[in-house]
Amino acid sequence: RLIPYGFVKEKSLYVYKSLFMNGKLEAEIIIDSKGKIKGNITDT
């Protein structure tokens, strides 16, 4: 269900990016093929 939700497959990872706080911050969620989740917030 990750790709239909908006994740993009990059090699063996599923990556989802979304802007929030009026575009000031970007969230990135990375899920590996085993279901391990890693996230990052970046100041745009």
Full PDB file with SEQRES, HELIX, SHEET, SSBOND, CRYST1, ORIGX, SCALE, CONECT and MASTER records, all heavy atoms in Angstrom:
SEQRES   1 A   44  ARG LEU ILE PRO TYR GLY PHE VAL LYS GLU LYS SER LEU          
SEQRES   2 A   44  TYR VAL TYR LYS SER LEU PHE MET ASN GLY LYS LEU GLU          
SEQRES   3 A   44  ALA GLU ILE ILE ILE ASP SER LYS GLY LYS ILE LYS GLY          
SEQRES   4 A   44  ASN ILE THR ASP THR                                          
HELIX    1 AA1 LEU A    2  TYR A    5  1                                   4    
SHEET    1 AA1 4 VAL A   8  GLU A  10  0                                        
SHEET    2 AA1 4 LEU A  13  PHE A  20 -1                                        
SHEET    3 AA1 4 LEU A  25  ASP A  32 -1                                        
SHEET    4 AA1 4 ILE A  37  ASP A  43 -1                                        
CRYST1    1.000    1.000    1.000  90.00  90.00  90.00 P 1           1          
ORIGX1      1.000000  0.000000  0.000000        0.00000                         
ORIGX2      0.000000  1.000000  0.000000        0.00000                         
ORIGX3      0.000000  0.000000  1.000000        0.00000                         
SCALE1      1.000000  0.000000  0.000000        0.00000                         
SCALE2      0.000000  1.000000  0.000000        0.00000                         
SCALE3      0.000000  0.000000  1.000000        0.00000                         
ATOM      1  N   ARG A   1       0.812  -1.231   0.000  1.00  0.00           N  
ATOM      2  CA  ARG A   1       0.000   0.000   0.000  1.00  0.00           C  
ATOM      3  C   ARG A   1       0.840   1.273   0.000  1.00  0.00           C  
ATOM      4  O   ARG A   1       0.294   2.371  -0.078  1.00  0.00           O  
ATOM      5  CB  ARG A   1      -0.926  -0.018   1.209  1.00  0.00           C  
ATOM      6  CG  ARG A   1      -1.917  -1.196   1.116  1.00  0.00           C  
ATOM      7  CD  ARG A   1      -2.865  -1.231   2.236  1.00  0.00           C  
ATOM      8  NE  ARG A   1      -3.826  -0.139   2.056  1.00  0.00           N  
ATOM      9  CZ  ARG A   1      -4.709   0.223   2.972  1.00  0.00           C  
ATOM     10  NH1 ARG A   1      -4.769  -0.397   4.118  1.00  0.00           N  
ATOM     11  NH2 ARG A   1      -5.539   1.209   2.748  1.00  0.00           N  
ATOM     12  N   LEU A   2       2.152   1.152   0.103  1.00  0.00           N  
ATOM     13  CA  LEU A   2       3.007   2.341   0.188  1.00  0.00           C  
ATOM     14  C   LEU A   2       2.999   3.169  -1.099  1.00  0.00           C  
ATOM     15  O   LEU A   2       2.852   4.385  -1.060  1.00  0.00           O  
ATOM     16  CB  LEU A   2       4.436   1.952   0.570  1.00  0.00           C  
ATOM     17  CG  LEU A   2       4.594   1.344   1.958  1.00  0.00           C  
ATOM     18  CD1 LEU A   2       6.049   0.952   2.195  1.00  0.00           C  
ATOM     19  CD2 LEU A   2       4.114   2.296   3.042  1.00  0.00           C  
ATOM     20  N   ILE A   3       3.169   2.529  -2.240  1.00  0.00           N  
ATOM     21  CA  ILE A   3       3.219   3.266  -3.515  1.00  0.00           C  
ATOM     22  C   ILE A   3       1.883   3.939  -3.808  1.00  0.00           C  
ATOM     23  O   ILE A   3       1.861   5.133  -4.151  1.00  0.00           O  
ATOM     24  CB  ILE A   3       3.715   2.366  -4.657  1.00  0.00           C  
ATOM     25  CG1 ILE A   3       5.201   2.069  -4.415  1.00  0.00           C  
ATOM     26  CG2 ILE A   3       3.498   3.022  -6.018  1.00  0.00           C  
ATOM     27  CD1 ILE A   3       5.845   1.136  -5.397  1.00  0.00           C  
ATOM     28  N   PRO A   4       0.732   3.258  -3.653  1.00  0.00           N  
ATOM     29  CA  PRO A   4      -0.540   3.961  -3.864  1.00  0.00           C  
ATOM     30  C   PRO A   4      -0.732   5.150  -2.910  1.00  0.00           C  
ATOM     31  O   PRO A   4      -1.392   6.125  -3.262  1.00  0.00           O  
ATOM     32  CB  PRO A   4      -1.601   2.880  -3.604  1.00  0.00           C  
ATOM     33  CG  PRO A   4      -0.913   1.599  -3.903  1.00  0.00           C  
ATOM     34  CD  PRO A   4       0.512   1.823  -3.464  1.00  0.00           C  
ATOM     35  N   TYR A   5      -0.121   5.090  -1.724  1.00  0.00           N  
ATOM     36  CA  TYR A   5      -0.238   6.199  -0.779  1.00  0.00           C  
ATOM     37  C   TYR A   5       0.597   7.403  -1.206  1.00  0.00           C  
ATOM     38  O   TYR A   5       0.281   8.541  -0.880  1.00  0.00           O  
ATOM     39  CB  TYR A   5       0.191   5.743   0.620  1.00  0.00           C  
ATOM     40  CG  TYR A   5       0.040   6.830   1.651  1.00  0.00           C  
ATOM     41  CD1 TYR A   5      -1.200   7.104   2.225  1.00  0.00           C  
ATOM     42  CD2 TYR A   5       1.130   7.613   2.035  1.00  0.00           C  
ATOM     43  CE1 TYR A   5      -1.351   8.116   3.152  1.00  0.00           C  
ATOM     44  CE2 TYR A   5       0.988   8.628   2.969  1.00  0.00           C  
ATOM     45  CZ  TYR A   5      -0.254   8.866   3.522  1.00  0.00           C  
ATOM     46  OH  TYR A   5      -0.397   9.879   4.437  1.00  0.00           O  
ATOM     47  N   GLY A   6       1.669   7.180  -1.950  1.00  0.00           N  
ATOM     48  CA  GLY A   6       2.511   8.284  -2.388  1.00  0.00           C  
ATOM     49  C   GLY A   6       3.999   8.053  -2.181  1.00  0.00           C  
ATOM     50  O   GLY A   6       4.821   8.917  -2.487  1.00  0.00           O  
ATOM     51  N   PHE A   7       4.364   6.892  -1.656  1.00  0.00           N  
ATOM     52  CA  PHE A   7       5.783   6.562  -1.514  1.00  0.00           C  
ATOM     53  C   PHE A   7       6.370   6.285  -2.891  1.00  0.00           C  
ATOM     54  O   PHE A   7       5.671   5.854  -3.807  1.00  0.00           O  
ATOM     55  CB  PHE A   7       5.963   5.315  -0.630  1.00  0.00           C  
ATOM     56  CG  PHE A   7       5.872   5.584   0.843  1.00  0.00           C  
ATOM     57  CD1 PHE A   7       4.637   5.738   1.457  1.00  0.00           C  
ATOM     58  CD2 PHE A   7       7.010   5.672   1.628  1.00  0.00           C  
ATOM     59  CE1 PHE A   7       4.533   5.976   2.813  1.00  0.00           C  
ATOM     60  CE2 PHE A   7       6.920   5.905   2.976  1.00  0.00           C  
ATOM     61  CZ  PHE A   7       5.689   6.057   3.585  1.00  0.00           C  
ATOM     62  N   VAL A   8       7.665   6.508  -3.027  1.00  0.00           N  
ATOM     63  CA  VAL A   8       8.394   6.217  -4.253  1.00  0.00           C  
ATOM     64  C   VAL A   8       9.415   5.143  -3.914  1.00  0.00           C  
ATOM     65  O   VAL A   8      10.105   5.238  -2.896  1.00  0.00           O  
ATOM     66  CB  VAL A   8       9.112   7.481  -4.786  1.00  0.00           C  
ATOM     67  CG1 VAL A   8       9.964   7.165  -5.988  1.00  0.00           C  
ATOM     68  CG2 VAL A   8       8.095   8.563  -5.100  1.00  0.00           C  
ATOM     69  N   LYS A   9       9.516   4.119  -4.754  1.00  0.00           N  
ATOM     70  CA  LYS A   9      10.490   3.059  -4.502  1.00  0.00           C  
ATOM     71  C   LYS A   9      11.827   3.467  -5.089  1.00  0.00           C  
ATOM     72  O   LYS A   9      11.927   3.781  -6.272  1.00  0.00           O  
ATOM     73  CB  LYS A   9      10.020   1.737  -5.084  1.00  0.00           C  
ATOM     74  CG  LYS A   9      10.894   0.592  -4.622  1.00  0.00           C  
ATOM     75  CD  LYS A   9      10.240  -0.747  -4.827  1.00  0.00           C  
ATOM     76  CE  LYS A   9      11.140  -1.798  -4.190  1.00  0.00           C  
ATOM     77  NZ  LYS A   9      10.655  -3.131  -4.392  1.00  0.00           N  
ATOM     78  N   GLU A  10      12.842   3.473  -4.246  1.00  0.00           N  
ATOM     79  CA  GLU A  10      14.214   3.783  -4.655  1.00  0.00           C  
ATOM     80  C   GLU A  10      15.077   2.607  -4.224  1.00  0.00           C  
ATOM     81  O   GLU A  10      15.392   2.475  -3.042  1.00  0.00           O  
ATOM     82  CB  GLU A  10      14.690   5.083  -4.007  1.00  0.00           C  
ATOM     83  CG  GLU A  10      13.897   6.297  -4.442  1.00  0.00           C  
ATOM     84  CD  GLU A  10      14.340   7.584  -3.762  1.00  0.00           C  
ATOM     85  OE1 GLU A  10      15.345   7.573  -3.016  1.00  0.00           O  
ATOM     86  OE2 GLU A  10      13.669   8.604  -3.981  1.00  0.00           O  
ATOM     87  N   LYS A  11      15.423   1.763  -5.169  1.00  0.00           N  
ATOM     88  CA  LYS A  11      16.125   0.501  -4.919  1.00  0.00           C  
ATOM     89  C   LYS A  11      15.277  -0.339  -3.979  1.00  0.00           C  
ATOM     90  O   LYS A  11      14.160  -0.684  -4.313  1.00  0.00           O  
ATOM     91  CB  LYS A  11      17.539   0.744  -4.416  1.00  0.00           C  
ATOM     92  CG  LYS A  11      18.405   1.484  -5.433  1.00  0.00           C  
ATOM     93  CD  LYS A  11      19.816   1.625  -4.974  1.00  0.00           C  
ATOM     94  CE  LYS A  11      20.594   2.406  -6.036  1.00  0.00           C  
ATOM     95  NZ  LYS A  11      21.965   2.597  -5.674  1.00  0.00           N  
ATOM     96  N   SER A  12      15.767  -0.668  -2.785  1.00  0.00           N  
ATOM     97  CA  SER A  12      14.988  -1.501  -1.863  1.00  0.00           C  
ATOM     98  C   SER A  12      14.279  -0.662  -0.796  1.00  0.00           C  
ATOM     99  O   SER A  12      13.762  -1.210   0.175  1.00  0.00           O  
ATOM    100  CB  SER A  12      15.904  -2.529  -1.197  1.00  0.00           C  
ATOM    101  OG  SER A  12      16.860  -1.872  -0.391  1.00  0.00           O  
ATOM    102  N   LEU A  13      14.239   0.655  -0.984  1.00  0.00           N  
ATOM    103  CA  LEU A  13      13.627   1.548  -0.001  1.00  0.00           C  
ATOM    104  C   LEU A  13      12.363   2.186  -0.554  1.00  0.00           C  
ATOM    105  O   LEU A  13      12.242   2.423  -1.749  1.00  0.00           O  
ATOM    106  CB  LEU A  13      14.604   2.658   0.397  1.00  0.00           C  
ATOM    107  CG  LEU A  13      15.952   2.234   0.964  1.00  0.00           C  
ATOM    108  CD1 LEU A  13      16.835   3.452   1.157  1.00  0.00           C  
ATOM    109  CD2 LEU A  13      15.771   1.482   2.262  1.00  0.00           C  
ATOM    110  N   TYR A  14      11.446   2.498   0.348  1.00  0.00           N  
ATOM    111  CA  TYR A  14      10.250   3.265   0.008  1.00  0.00           C  
ATOM    112  C   TYR A  14      10.400   4.636   0.662  1.00  0.00           C  
ATOM    113  O   TYR A  14      10.644   4.728   1.866  1.00  0.00           O  
ATOM    114  CB  TYR A  14       8.997   2.580   0.539  1.00  0.00           C  
ATOM    115  CG  TYR A  14       8.723   1.260  -0.134  1.00  0.00           C  
ATOM    116  CD1 TYR A  14       9.280   0.085   0.352  1.00  0.00           C  
ATOM    117  CD2 TYR A  14       7.913   1.198  -1.260  1.00  0.00           C  
ATOM    118  CE1 TYR A  14       9.027  -1.131  -0.258  1.00  0.00           C  
ATOM    119  CE2 TYR A  14       7.657  -0.017  -1.878  1.00  0.00           C  
ATOM    120  CZ  TYR A  14       8.222  -1.179  -1.375  1.00  0.00           C  
ATOM    121  OH  TYR A  14       7.971  -2.378  -1.984  1.00  0.00           O  
ATOM    122  N   VAL A  15      10.279   5.701  -0.119  1.00  0.00           N  
ATOM    123  CA  VAL A  15      10.535   7.055   0.369  1.00  0.00           C  
ATOM    124  C   VAL A  15       9.294   7.923   0.154  1.00  0.00           C  
ATOM    125  O   VAL A  15       8.704   7.928  -0.935  1.00  0.00           O  
ATOM    126  CB  VAL A  15      11.748   7.685  -0.367  1.00  0.00           C  
ATOM    127  CG1 VAL A  15      12.016   9.086   0.140  1.00  0.00           C  
ATOM    128  CG2 VAL A  15      12.977   6.806  -0.217  1.00  0.00           C  
ATOM    129  N   TYR A  16       8.921   8.654   1.208  1.00  0.00           N  
ATOM    130  CA  TYR A  16       7.787   9.586   1.132  1.00  0.00           C  
ATOM    131  C   TYR A  16       8.271  10.941   1.629  1.00  0.00           C  
ATOM    132  O   TYR A  16       8.900  11.029   2.683  1.00  0.00           O  
ATOM    133  CB  TYR A  16       6.638   9.095   2.011  1.00  0.00           C  
ATOM    134  CG  TYR A  16       5.437  10.005   1.982  1.00  0.00           C  
ATOM    135  CD1 TYR A  16       4.528   9.946   0.934  1.00  0.00           C  
ATOM    136  CD2 TYR A  16       5.221  10.923   3.002  1.00  0.00           C  
ATOM    137  CE1 TYR A  16       3.418  10.783   0.906  1.00  0.00           C  
ATOM    138  CE2 TYR A  16       4.112  11.757   2.977  1.00  0.00           C  
ATOM    139  CZ  TYR A  16       3.220  11.683   1.928  1.00  0.00           C  
ATOM    140  OH  TYR A  16       2.134  12.508   1.893  1.00  0.00           O  
ATOM    141  N   LYS A  17       7.990  11.994   0.863  1.00  0.00           N  
ATOM    142  CA  LYS A  17       8.363  13.352   1.257  1.00  0.00           C  
ATOM    143  C   LYS A  17       7.129  14.236   1.234  1.00  0.00           C  
ATOM    144  O   LYS A  17       6.286  14.109   0.349  1.00  0.00           O  
ATOM    145  CB  LYS A  17       9.422  13.927   0.318  1.00  0.00           C  
ATOM    146  CG  LYS A  17      10.747  13.202   0.384  1.00  0.00           C  
ATOM    147  CD  LYS A  17      11.756  13.829  -0.551  1.00  0.00           C  
ATOM    148  CE  LYS A  17      13.071  13.064  -0.513  1.00  0.00           C  
ATOM    149  NZ  LYS A  17      14.084  13.684  -1.371  1.00  0.00           N  
ATOM    150  N   SER A  18       7.058  15.146   2.219  1.00  0.00           N  
ATOM    151  CA  SER A  18       5.926  16.057   2.292  1.00  0.00           C  
ATOM    152  C   SER A  18       6.342  17.350   2.983  1.00  0.00           C  
ATOM    153  O   SER A  18       7.026  17.321   4.002  1.00  0.00           O  
ATOM    154  CB  SER A  18       4.791  15.393   3.073  1.00  0.00           C  
ATOM    155  OG  SER A  18       3.675  16.259   3.151  1.00  0.00           O  
ATOM    156  N   LEU A  19       5.919  18.472   2.408  1.00  0.00           N  
ATOM    157  CA  LEU A  19       6.171  19.775   3.022  1.00  0.00           C  
ATOM    158  C   LEU A  19       5.104  20.058   4.068  1.00  0.00           C  
ATOM    159  O   LEU A  19       3.953  19.640   3.920  1.00  0.00           O  
ATOM    160  CB  LEU A  19       6.145  20.873   1.962  1.00  0.00           C  
ATOM    161  CG  LEU A  19       7.238  20.813   0.905  1.00  0.00           C  
ATOM    162  CD1 LEU A  19       6.976  21.856  -0.177  1.00  0.00           C  
ATOM    163  CD2 LEU A  19       8.606  21.019   1.518  1.00  0.00           C  
ATOM    164  N   PHE A  20       5.492  20.772   5.135  1.00  0.00           N  
ATOM    165  CA  PHE A  20       4.525  21.217   6.133  1.00  0.00           C  
ATOM    166  C   PHE A  20       5.030  22.508   6.758  1.00  0.00           C  
ATOM    167  O   PHE A  20       6.100  22.999   6.393  1.00  0.00           O  
ATOM    168  CB  PHE A  20       4.251  20.118   7.178  1.00  0.00           C  
ATOM    169  CG  PHE A  20       5.427  19.728   8.027  1.00  0.00           C  
ATOM    170  CD1 PHE A  20       5.535  20.177   9.327  1.00  0.00           C  
ATOM    171  CD2 PHE A  20       6.410  18.880   7.546  1.00  0.00           C  
ATOM    172  CE1 PHE A  20       6.602  19.814  10.121  1.00  0.00           C  
ATOM    173  CE2 PHE A  20       7.486  18.507   8.335  1.00  0.00           C  
ATOM    174  CZ  PHE A  20       7.575  18.975   9.625  1.00  0.00           C  
ATOM    175  N   MET A  21       4.245  23.068   7.668  1.00  0.00           N  
ATOM    176  CA  MET A  21       4.531  24.383   8.263  1.00  0.00           C  
ATOM    177  C   MET A  21       4.687  25.428   7.154  1.00  0.00           C  
ATOM    178  O   MET A  21       5.673  26.162   7.090  1.00  0.00           O  
ATOM    179  CB  MET A  21       5.754  24.359   9.180  1.00  0.00           C  
ATOM    180  CG  MET A  21       5.602  23.500  10.424  1.00  0.00           C  
ATOM    181  SD  MET A  21       4.280  23.998  11.537  1.00  0.00           S  
ATOM    182  CE  MET A  21       4.888  25.548  12.148  1.00  0.00           C  
ATOM    183  N   ASN A  22       3.694  25.440   6.248  1.00  0.00           N  
ATOM    184  CA  ASN A  22       3.674  26.387   5.124  1.00  0.00           C  
ATOM    185  C   ASN A  22       4.928  26.297   4.257  1.00  0.00           C  
ATOM    186  O   ASN A  22       5.438  27.307   3.771  1.00  0.00           O  
ATOM    187  CB  ASN A  22       3.472  27.819   5.620  1.00  0.00           C  
ATOM    188  CG  ASN A  22       2.121  28.005   6.260  1.00  0.00           C  
ATOM    189  OD1 ASN A  22       1.127  27.483   5.777  1.00  0.00           O  
ATOM    190  ND2 ASN A  22       2.073  28.727   7.364  1.00  0.00           N  
ATOM    191  N   GLY A  23       5.427  25.076   4.079  1.00  0.00           N  
ATOM    192  CA  GLY A  23       6.588  24.857   3.221  1.00  0.00           C  
ATOM    193  C   GLY A  23       7.923  25.133   3.864  1.00  0.00           C  
ATOM    194  O   GLY A  23       8.952  25.027   3.207  1.00  0.00           O  
ATOM    195  N   LYS A  24       7.946  25.463   5.133  1.00  0.00           N  
ATOM    196  CA  LYS A  24       9.216  25.762   5.815  1.00  0.00           C  
ATOM    197  C   LYS A  24       9.999  24.503   6.189  1.00  0.00           C  
ATOM    198  O   LYS A  24      11.219  24.542   6.326  1.00  0.00           O  
ATOM    199  CB  LYS A  24       8.952  26.583   7.069  1.00  0.00           C  
ATOM    200  CG  LYS A  24       8.420  27.965   6.743  1.00  0.00           C  
ATOM    201  CD  LYS A  24       8.150  28.757   7.996  1.00  0.00           C  
ATOM    202  CE  LYS A  24       7.718  30.147   7.596  1.00  0.00           C  
ATOM    203  NZ  LYS A  24       6.483  30.567   8.178  1.00  0.00           N  
ATOM    204  N   LEU A  25       9.269  23.388   6.355  1.00  0.00           N  
ATOM    205  CA  LEU A  25       9.904  22.132   6.729  1.00  0.00           C  
ATOM    206  C   LEU A  25       9.451  21.029   5.774  1.00  0.00           C  
ATOM    207  O   LEU A  25       8.354  21.079   5.235  1.00  0.00           O  
ATOM    208  CB  LEU A  25       9.539  21.745   8.166  1.00  0.00           C  
ATOM    209  CG  LEU A  25       9.975  22.721   9.266  1.00  0.00           C  
ATOM    210  CD1 LEU A  25       9.407  22.284  10.612  1.00  0.00           C  
ATOM    211  CD2 LEU A  25      11.481  22.851   9.340  1.00  0.00           C  
ATOM    212  N   GLU A  26      10.328  20.035   5.599  1.00  0.00           N  
ATOM    213  CA  GLU A  26       9.989  18.881   4.777  1.00  0.00           C  
ATOM    214  C   GLU A  26      10.241  17.610   5.584  1.00  0.00           C  
ATOM    215  O   GLU A  26      11.317  17.424   6.146  1.00  0.00           O  
ATOM    216  CB  GLU A  26      10.841  18.838   3.507  1.00  0.00           C  
ATOM    217  CG  GLU A  26      10.511  17.645   2.632  1.00  0.00           C  
ATOM    218  CD  GLU A  26      11.335  17.597   1.377  1.00  0.00           C  
ATOM    219  OE1 GLU A  26      12.578  17.691   1.470  1.00  0.00           O  
ATOM    220  OE2 GLU A  26      10.748  17.474   0.292  1.00  0.00           O  
ATOM    221  N   ALA A  27       9.240  16.753   5.631  1.00  0.00           N  
ATOM    222  CA  ALA A  27       9.362  15.459   6.284  1.00  0.00           C  
ATOM    223  C   ALA A  27       9.729  14.416   5.237  1.00  0.00           C  
ATOM    224  O   ALA A  27       9.205  14.437   4.124  1.00  0.00           O  
ATOM    225  CB  ALA A  27       8.054  15.074   6.955  1.00  0.00           C  
ATOM    226  N   GLU A  28      10.624  13.527   5.606  1.00  0.00           N  
ATOM    227  CA  GLU A  28      10.987  12.410   4.739  1.00  0.00           C  
ATOM    228  C   GLU A  28      10.890  11.135   5.581  1.00  0.00           C  
ATOM    229  O   GLU A  28      11.511  11.041   6.630  1.00  0.00           O  
ATOM    230  CB  GLU A  28      12.403  12.580   4.199  1.00  0.00           C  
ATOM    231  CG  GLU A  28      12.850  11.422   3.331  1.00  0.00           C  
ATOM    232  CD  GLU A  28      14.264  11.597   2.825  1.00  0.00           C  
ATOM    233  OE1 GLU A  28      15.156  11.884   3.642  1.00  0.00           O  
ATOM    234  OE2 GLU A  28      14.473  11.446   1.612  1.00  0.00           O  
ATOM    235  N   ILE A  29      10.083  10.194   5.123  1.00  0.00           N  
ATOM    236  CA  ILE A  29       9.924   8.917   5.781  1.00  0.00           C  
ATOM    237  C   ILE A  29      10.503   7.855   4.859  1.00  0.00           C  
ATOM    238  O   ILE A  29      10.152   7.803   3.670  1.00  0.00           O  
ATOM    239  CB  ILE A  29       8.441   8.587   6.071  1.00  0.00           C  
ATOM    240  CG1 ILE A  29       7.788   9.704   6.882  1.00  0.00           C  
ATOM    241  CG2 ILE A  29       8.302   7.229   6.739  1.00  0.00           C  
ATOM    242  CD1 ILE A  29       8.334   9.882   8.267  1.00  0.00           C  
ATOM    243  N   ILE A  30      11.388   7.020   5.384  1.00  0.00           N  
ATOM    244  CA  ILE A  30      12.023   5.961   4.605  1.00  0.00           C  
ATOM    245  C   ILE A  30      11.710   4.631   5.270  1.00  0.00           C  
ATOM    246  O   ILE A  30      11.923   4.465   6.475  1.00  0.00           O  
ATOM    247  CB  ILE A  30      13.551   6.173   4.531  1.00  0.00           C  
ATOM    248  CG1 ILE A  30      13.857   7.535   3.895  1.00  0.00           C  
ATOM    249  CG2 ILE A  30      14.214   5.032   3.757  1.00  0.00           C  
ATOM    250  CD1 ILE A  30      15.288   7.969   4.028  1.00  0.00           C  
ATOM    251  N   ILE A  31      11.205   3.688   4.481  1.00  0.00           N  
ATOM    252  CA  ILE A  31      10.876   2.362   4.985  1.00  0.00           C  
ATOM    253  C   ILE A  31      11.640   1.346   4.150  1.00  0.00           C  
ATOM    254  O   ILE A  31      11.570   1.366   2.918  1.00  0.00           O  
ATOM    255  CB  ILE A  31       9.363   2.092   4.903  1.00  0.00           C  
ATOM    256  CG1 ILE A  31       8.609   3.176   5.681  1.00  0.00           C  
ATOM    257  CG2 ILE A  31       9.044   0.698   5.428  1.00  0.00           C  
ATOM    258  CD1 ILE A  31       7.113   3.090   5.567  1.00  0.00           C  
ATOM    259  N   ASP A  32      12.375   0.456   4.839  1.00  0.00           N  
ATOM    260  CA  ASP A  32      13.105  -0.567   4.094  1.00  0.00           C  
ATOM    261  C   ASP A  32      12.205  -1.775   3.842  1.00  0.00           C  
ATOM    262  O   ASP A  32      11.060  -1.833   4.304  1.00  0.00           O  
ATOM    263  CB  ASP A  32      14.412  -0.949   4.776  1.00  0.00           C  
ATOM    264  CG  ASP A  32      14.252  -1.681   6.100  1.00  0.00           C  
ATOM    265  OD1 ASP A  32      13.171  -2.232   6.374  1.00  0.00           O  
ATOM    266  OD2 ASP A  32      15.244  -1.711   6.864  1.00  0.00           O  
ATOM    267  N   SER A  33      12.710  -2.750   3.115  1.00  0.00           N  
ATOM    268  CA  SER A  33      11.910  -3.912   2.716  1.00  0.00           C  
ATOM    269  C   SER A  33      11.506  -4.793   3.900  1.00  0.00           C  
ATOM    270  O   SER A  33      10.613  -5.617   3.778  1.00  0.00           O  
ATOM    271  CB  SER A  33      12.665  -4.742   1.685  1.00  0.00           C  
ATOM    272  OG  SER A  33      13.897  -5.181   2.221  1.00  0.00           O  
ATOM    273  N   LYS A  34      12.136  -4.592   5.049  1.00  0.00           N  
ATOM    274  CA  LYS A  34      11.773  -5.342   6.253  1.00  0.00           C  
ATOM    275  C   LYS A  34      10.784  -4.581   7.130  1.00  0.00           C  
ATOM    276  O   LYS A  34      10.394  -5.048   8.176  1.00  0.00           O  
ATOM    277  CB  LYS A  34      13.027  -5.680   7.047  1.00  0.00           C  
ATOM    278  CG  LYS A  34      13.971  -6.605   6.301  1.00  0.00           C  
ATOM    279  CD  LYS A  34      15.210  -6.885   7.084  1.00  0.00           C  
ATOM    280  CE  LYS A  34      16.129  -7.767   6.235  1.00  0.00           C  
ATOM    281  NZ  LYS A  34      17.425  -7.961   6.834  1.00  0.00           N  
ATOM    282  N   GLY A  35      10.422  -3.368   6.700  1.00  0.00           N  
ATOM    283  CA  GLY A  35       9.460  -2.559   7.446  1.00  0.00           C  
ATOM    284  C   GLY A  35      10.065  -1.636   8.480  1.00  0.00           C  
ATOM    285  O   GLY A  35       9.343  -1.002   9.233  1.00  0.00           O  
ATOM    286  N   LYS A  36      11.385  -1.507   8.506  1.00  0.00           N  
ATOM    287  CA  LYS A  36      12.036  -0.591   9.445  1.00  0.00           C  
ATOM    288  C   LYS A  36      11.860   0.847   8.959  1.00  0.00           C  
ATOM    289  O   LYS A  36      12.095   1.146   7.789  1.00  0.00           O  
ATOM    290  CB  LYS A  36      13.514  -0.913   9.601  1.00  0.00           C  
ATOM    291  CG  LYS A  36      14.180  -0.054  10.645  1.00  0.00           C  
ATOM    292  CD  LYS A  36      15.604  -0.446  10.897  1.00  0.00           C  
ATOM    293  CE  LYS A  36      16.165   0.494  11.944  1.00  0.00           C  
ATOM    294  NZ  LYS A  36      17.580   0.322  12.153  1.00  0.00           N  
ATOM    295  N   ILE A  37      11.447   1.728   9.877  1.00  0.00           N  
ATOM    296  CA  ILE A  37      11.134   3.113   9.521  1.00  0.00           C  
ATOM    297  C   ILE A  37      12.207   4.057  10.031  1.00  0.00           C  
ATOM    298  O   ILE A  37      12.661   3.957  11.170  1.00  0.00           O  
ATOM    299  CB  ILE A  37       9.778   3.520  10.122  1.00  0.00           C  
ATOM    300  CG1 ILE A  37       8.679   2.610   9.598  1.00  0.00           C  
ATOM    301  CG2 ILE A  37       9.470   4.979   9.808  1.00  0.00           C  
ATOM    302  CD1 ILE A  37       7.361   2.786  10.293  1.00  0.00           C  
ATOM    303  N   LYS A  38      12.582   4.994   9.162  1.00  0.00           N  
ATOM    304  CA  LYS A  38      13.525   6.049   9.515  1.00  0.00           C  
ATOM    305  C   LYS A  38      12.927   7.356   9.000  1.00  0.00           C  
ATOM    306  O   LYS A  38      12.316   7.377   7.938  1.00  0.00           O  
ATOM    307  CB  LYS A  38      14.876   5.768   8.856  1.00  0.00           C  
ATOM    308  CG  LYS A  38      15.969   6.729   9.249  1.00  0.00           C  
ATOM    309  CD  LYS A  38      17.298   6.262   8.699  1.00  0.00           C  
ATOM    310  CE  LYS A  38      17.633   7.074   7.476  1.00  0.00           C  
ATOM    311  NZ  LYS A  38      18.958   6.833   6.935  1.00  0.00           N  
ATOM    312  N   GLY A  39      13.074   8.410   9.759  1.00  0.00           N  
ATOM    313  CA  GLY A  39      12.530   9.686   9.330  1.00  0.00           C  
ATOM    314  C   GLY A  39      13.515  10.814   9.492  1.00  0.00           C  
ATOM    315  O   GLY A  39      14.519  10.690  10.191  1.00  0.00           O  
ATOM    316  N   ASN A  40      13.212  11.916   8.819  1.00  0.00           N  
ATOM    317  CA  ASN A  40      14.066  13.092   8.883  1.00  0.00           C  
ATOM    318  C   ASN A  40      13.201  14.320   8.585  1.00  0.00           C  
ATOM    319  O   ASN A  40      12.304  14.266   7.759  1.00  0.00           O  
ATOM    320  CB  ASN A  40      15.196  12.974   7.860  1.00  0.00           C  
ATOM    321  CG  ASN A  40      16.244  14.030   8.049  1.00  0.00           C  
ATOM    322  OD1 ASN A  40      16.579  14.388   9.164  1.00  0.00           O  
ATOM    323  ND2 ASN A  40      16.769  14.544   6.957  1.00  0.00           N  
ATOM    324  N   ILE A  41      13.501  15.395   9.277  1.00  0.00           N  
ATOM    325  CA  ILE A  41      12.865  16.684   9.000  1.00  0.00           C  
ATOM    326  C   ILE A  41      13.965  17.632   8.542  1.00  0.00           C  
ATOM    327  O   ILE A  41      15.012  17.743   9.180  1.00  0.00           O  
ATOM    328  CB  ILE A  41      12.174  17.270  10.257  1.00  0.00           C  
ATOM    329  CG1 ILE A  41      11.170  16.292  10.848  1.00  0.00           C  
ATOM    330  CG2 ILE A  41      11.550  18.630   9.946  1.00  0.00           C  
ATOM    331  CD1 ILE A  41       9.980  16.019   9.994  1.00  0.00           C  
ATOM    332  N   THR A  42      13.717  18.335   7.434  1.00  0.00           N  
ATOM    333  CA  THR A  42      14.711  19.253   6.884  1.00  0.00           C  
ATOM    334  C   THR A  42      14.119  20.652   6.796  1.00  0.00           C  
ATOM    335  O   THR A  42      12.973  20.828   6.368  1.00  0.00           O  
ATOM    336  CB  THR A  42      15.134  18.793   5.475  1.00  0.00           C  
ATOM    337  OG1 THR A  42      15.623  17.463   5.553  1.00  0.00           O  
ATOM    338  CG2 THR A  42      16.212  19.692   4.894  1.00  0.00           C  
ATOM    339  N   ASP A  43      14.908  21.644   7.191  1.00  0.00           N  
ATOM    340  CA  ASP A  43      14.553  23.049   7.009  1.00  0.00           C  
ATOM    341  C   ASP A  43      14.720  23.343   5.523  1.00  0.00           C  
ATOM    342  O   ASP A  43      15.804  23.153   4.967  1.00  0.00           O  
ATOM    343  CB  ASP A  43      15.484  23.922   7.852  1.00  0.00           C  
ATOM    344  CG  ASP A  43      15.188  25.398   7.746  1.00  0.00           C  
ATOM    345  OD1 ASP A  43      15.088  25.913   6.608  1.00  0.00           O  
ATOM    346  OD2 ASP A  43      15.074  26.044   8.793  1.00  0.00           O  
ATOM    347  N   THR A  44      13.659  23.784   4.848  1.00  0.00           N  
ATOM    348  CA  THR A  44      13.723  23.966   3.397  1.00  0.00           C  
ATOM    349  C   THR A  44      14.565  25.168   2.970  1.00  0.00           C  
ATOM    350  O   THR A  44      15.007  25.228   1.826  1.00  0.00           O  
ATOM    351  CB  THR A  44      12.313  24.091   2.790  1.00  0.00           C  
ATOM    352  OG1 THR A  44      11.630  25.176   3.395  1.00  0.00           O  
ATOM    353  CG2 THR A  44      11.536  22.805   2.971  1.00  0.00           C  
TER     354      THR A  44                                                      
MASTER        0    0    0    1    4    0    0    6  353    1    0    4          
END                                                                             
